[in-house]
Amino acid sequence: MKFYSDFSARRARQITVDVLALVAIAAWVWLGSFVYRLVIDLRDFGVQMEEAGAGFRQTMTDLSTDLGNVPLIGTGIRAPFDGASDAGASLESAGQAQQVAVENLAAGLGIGIAALPVLMILIIWLIPRLRFARRAGTTKTLVKAGANVDLLALRALTTQKITRLATVDEDPMAAWRRGDAKVVRALAALELKSSGVRID
């Protein structure tokens, strides 16, 4: 494949567009990463909730165990502390769930903000660039293999837009069929320039 045109003006445009596209991709990826880091910080509240719930549960469990060993009143007095321990476990579980929710939200927002624009840039920029590279490479190979002007003219007739062909001749196909040397050379030159290939 041949990624850049042999013609300086077009090559400069291609390089400029490539640089702008890569900068735009990097900017969107950075923005997605920034939003991810911004949202993921909200996970700290869930961590604090989990730690508070775990601490409260453990304290209530310890109290329940200690008071449960008191003769006569131990069995009856444990119930409120066991209930409080369950409440602490619920708070701990809620903290864990909040962390998971924030992680999912952060990942979704970060990827969503970066992925769609990057995908659009790749579709608008990369696909045409790859098409050009393939076409330029094929044309360069044909020229190196000794393709004559007639073959390049025929290729122009099959690949160029009608409006561009009309600038060469009113009926370029008929001119090619009758072997009009001037039109054939003009068609070949049109194909070479469109493919970004210059014959030295």
Protein backbone atom coordinates (compact mmCIF):
# COMPACT_ATOMS: atom_id res chain seq x y z
CA MET A 1 0.00 0.00 0.00
CA LYS A 2 1.01 3.57 -0.64
CA PHE A 3 -0.26 5.94 2.05
CA TYR A 4 0.62 9.34 0.62
CA SER A 5 0.31 11.00 -2.77
CA ASP A 6 3.38 11.78 -4.86
CA PHE A 7 1.88 15.24 -5.49
CA SER A 8 3.00 17.69 -2.82
CA ALA A 9 -0.26 19.66 -2.43
CA ARG A 10 -2.37 16.55 -1.94
CA ARG A 11 0.29 14.93 0.25
CA ALA A 12 0.31 18.03 2.50
CA ARG A 13 -3.50 17.85 2.80
CA GLN A 14 -3.35 14.15 3.62
CA ILE A 15 -0.71 14.64 6.31
CA THR A 16 -2.66 17.55 7.81
CA VAL A 17 -5.89 15.54 7.93
CA ASP A 18 -4.06 12.54 9.42
CA VAL A 19 -2.54 14.68 12.18
CA LEU A 20 -5.90 16.36 12.93
CA ALA A 21 -7.67 12.99 13.04
CA LEU A 22 -5.10 11.52 15.42
CA VAL A 23 -5.26 14.61 17.65
CA ALA A 24 -9.07 14.40 17.71
CA ILE A 25 -8.96 10.70 18.60
CA ALA A 26 -6.47 11.39 21.41
CA ALA A 27 -8.65 14.27 22.68
CA TRP A 28 -11.80 12.14 22.81
CA VAL A 29 -9.95 9.28 24.53
CA TRP A 30 -8.56 11.77 27.08
CA LEU A 31 -12.05 13.21 27.68
CA GLY A 32 -13.52 9.73 28.18
CA SER A 33 -10.71 8.91 30.62
CA PHE A 34 -11.22 12.22 32.46
CA VAL A 35 -14.96 11.59 32.88
CA TYR A 36 -14.24 8.04 34.07
CA ARG A 37 -11.83 9.32 36.74
CA LEU A 38 -14.28 12.04 37.75
CA VAL A 39 -17.19 9.62 38.25
CA ILE A 40 -15.14 6.82 39.83
CA ASP A 41 -14.25 9.15 42.70
CA LEU A 42 -17.89 8.89 43.81
CA ARG A 43 -17.09 5.31 44.76
CA ASP A 44 -15.41 6.62 47.94
CA PHE A 45 -18.83 7.24 49.49
CA GLY A 46 -19.69 3.57 48.94
CA VAL A 47 -16.37 2.52 50.48
CA GLN A 48 -17.08 4.64 53.55
CA MET A 49 -20.60 3.21 53.77
CA GLU A 50 -19.26 -0.34 53.53
CA GLU A 51 -16.61 0.30 56.18
CA ALA A 52 -19.13 1.98 58.52
CA GLY A 53 -21.59 -0.89 58.05
CA ALA A 54 -18.88 -3.50 58.62
CA GLY A 55 -17.65 -1.71 61.74
CA PHE A 56 -21.15 -1.31 63.16
CA ARG A 57 -22.01 -4.95 62.39
CA GLN A 58 -18.85 -6.18 64.09
CA THR A 59 -19.43 -3.98 67.16
CA MET A 60 -23.03 -5.17 67.54
CA THR A 61 -21.99 -8.80 67.03
CA ASP A 62 -19.30 -8.46 69.70
CA LEU A 63 -21.76 -6.82 72.12
CA SER A 64 -24.35 -9.49 71.42
CA THR A 65 -21.80 -12.22 72.11
CA ASP A 66 -20.51 -10.57 75.28
CA LEU A 67 -23.97 -9.84 76.68
CA GLY A 68 -25.21 -13.26 75.65
CA ASN A 69 -22.79 -14.78 78.15
CA VAL A 70 -24.39 -12.88 81.07
CA PRO A 71 -26.35 -15.33 83.22
CA LEU A 72 -30.18 -15.03 83.32
CA ILE A 73 -30.52 -12.02 81.00
CA GLY A 74 -28.06 -13.00 78.27
CA THR A 75 -30.45 -14.82 75.96
CA GLY A 76 -33.11 -12.13 75.98
CA ILE A 77 -30.80 -9.16 75.66
CA ARG A 78 -29.05 -10.48 72.53
CA ALA A 79 -32.04 -9.96 70.23
CA PRO A 80 -31.76 -6.14 69.80
CA PHE A 81 -28.03 -6.33 69.19
CA ASP A 82 -28.44 -9.13 66.66
CA GLY A 83 -31.01 -6.97 64.86
CA ALA A 84 -28.62 -4.01 64.90
CA SER A 85 -25.87 -6.29 63.57
CA ASP A 86 -28.16 -7.25 60.68
CA ALA A 87 -28.76 -3.54 59.99
CA GLY A 88 -24.99 -3.01 59.86
CA ALA A 89 -24.69 -5.91 57.40
CA SER A 90 -27.39 -4.29 55.25
CA LEU A 91 -25.47 -0.99 55.29
CA GLU A 92 -22.27 -2.84 54.35
CA SER A 93 -24.07 -4.56 51.46
CA ALA A 94 -25.55 -1.25 50.29
CA GLY A 95 -22.05 0.27 50.26
CA GLN A 96 -20.76 -2.58 48.12
CA ALA A 97 -23.70 -2.24 45.72
CA GLN A 98 -23.10 1.51 45.46
CA GLN A 99 -19.46 0.91 44.53
CA VAL A 100 -20.44 -1.54 41.79
CA ALA A 101 -23.05 0.91 40.45
CA VAL A 102 -20.53 3.76 40.36
CA GLU A 103 -17.91 1.57 38.65
CA ASN A 104 -20.44 0.53 35.98
CA LEU A 105 -21.59 4.13 35.49
CA ALA A 106 -18.00 5.42 35.24
CA ALA A 107 -17.04 2.74 32.71
CA GLY A 108 -20.21 3.29 30.67
CA LEU A 109 -19.80 7.07 30.56
CA GLY A 110 -16.06 6.94 29.88
CA ILE A 111 -16.36 4.43 27.05
CA GLY A 112 -19.52 6.04 25.67
CA ILE A 113 -18.02 9.53 25.53
CA ALA A 114 -14.84 8.28 23.79
CA ALA A 115 -16.08 5.41 21.63
CA LEU A 116 -18.78 7.05 19.48
CA PRO A 117 -16.73 10.07 18.34
CA VAL A 118 -13.64 7.90 17.75
CA LEU A 119 -15.75 5.46 15.71
CA MET A 120 -17.15 8.32 13.62
CA ILE A 121 -13.65 9.71 13.03
CA LEU A 122 -12.42 6.27 11.94
CA ILE A 123 -15.34 5.87 9.53
CA ILE A 124 -14.99 9.36 8.04
CA TRP A 125 -11.17 9.45 7.97
CA LEU A 126 -9.58 6.01 8.09
CA ILE A 127 -11.75 4.14 5.58
CA PRO A 128 -11.17 6.68 2.75
CA ARG A 129 -7.45 6.80 3.64
CA LEU A 130 -7.20 3.01 3.37
CA ARG A 131 -9.07 3.07 0.06
CA PHE A 132 -6.65 5.67 -1.27
CA ALA A 133 -3.66 3.67 -0.03
CA ARG A 134 -4.92 0.50 -1.70
CA ARG A 135 -5.72 2.27 -4.97
CA ALA A 136 -2.41 4.15 -5.00
CA GLY A 137 -0.53 0.93 -4.26
CA THR A 138 -2.31 -0.92 -7.05
CA THR A 139 -1.64 1.87 -9.55
CA LYS A 140 2.03 2.08 -8.51
CA THR A 141 2.34 -1.69 -8.99
CA LEU A 142 0.76 -1.44 -12.45
CA VAL A 143 3.15 1.35 -13.44
CA LYS A 144 6.18 -0.58 -12.14
CA ALA A 145 5.01 -3.66 -14.04
CA GLY A 146 5.06 -1.62 -17.24
CA ALA A 147 1.36 -0.84 -17.65
CA ASN A 148 0.91 1.23 -20.77
CA VAL A 149 -1.01 4.44 -21.17
CA ASP A 150 -3.96 2.61 -22.75
CA LEU A 151 -4.48 0.45 -19.64
CA LEU A 152 -4.32 3.47 -17.32
CA ALA A 153 -6.82 5.28 -19.55
CA LEU A 154 -9.16 2.28 -19.38
CA ARG A 155 -8.80 2.21 -15.61
CA ALA A 156 -9.72 5.92 -15.53
CA LEU A 157 -12.85 5.18 -17.57
CA THR A 158 -13.93 2.58 -15.01
CA THR A 159 -13.01 4.40 -11.79
CA GLN A 160 -13.36 8.16 -12.38
CA LYS A 161 -16.57 10.14 -11.96
CA ILE A 162 -18.39 11.10 -15.13
CA THR A 163 -17.96 14.81 -14.36
CA ARG A 164 -14.16 14.39 -14.25
CA LEU A 165 -14.16 12.32 -17.44
CA ALA A 166 -16.19 15.04 -19.16
CA THR A 167 -13.34 17.51 -18.58
CA VAL A 168 -11.14 15.37 -20.81
CA ASP A 169 -13.54 14.90 -23.73
CA GLU A 170 -17.28 15.05 -24.47
CA ASP A 171 -17.29 11.29 -25.15
CA PRO A 172 -14.10 9.87 -23.61
CA MET A 173 -15.15 6.25 -24.20
CA ALA A 174 -15.54 6.81 -27.93
CA ALA A 175 -12.24 8.70 -28.04
CA TRP A 176 -10.54 5.81 -26.25
CA ARG A 177 -12.08 3.28 -28.65
CA ARG A 178 -10.84 5.14 -31.71
CA GLY A 179 -7.40 5.47 -30.13
CA ASP A 180 -7.30 9.26 -29.80
CA ALA A 181 -3.76 9.62 -28.40
CA LYS A 182 -4.39 13.00 -26.77
CA VAL A 183 -7.50 11.79 -24.93
CA VAL A 184 -5.84 8.50 -23.93
CA ARG A 185 -2.88 10.38 -22.43
CA ALA A 186 -5.23 12.80 -20.64
CA LEU A 187 -7.23 9.88 -19.19
CA ALA A 188 -4.05 8.14 -18.05
CA ALA A 189 -2.81 11.36 -16.43
CA LEU A 190 -6.19 11.76 -14.71
CA GLU A 191 -5.96 8.24 -13.29
CA LEU A 192 -2.39 8.72 -12.11
CA LYS A 193 -3.12 12.04 -10.43
CA SER A 194 -6.28 10.68 -8.80
CA SER A 195 -4.29 7.69 -7.50
CA GLY A 196 -1.50 9.97 -6.22
CA VAL A 197 1.12 8.37 -8.44
CA ARG A 198 3.66 10.39 -10.40
CA ILE A 199 5.68 8.82 -13.21
CA ASP A 200 9.32 9.95 -12.93
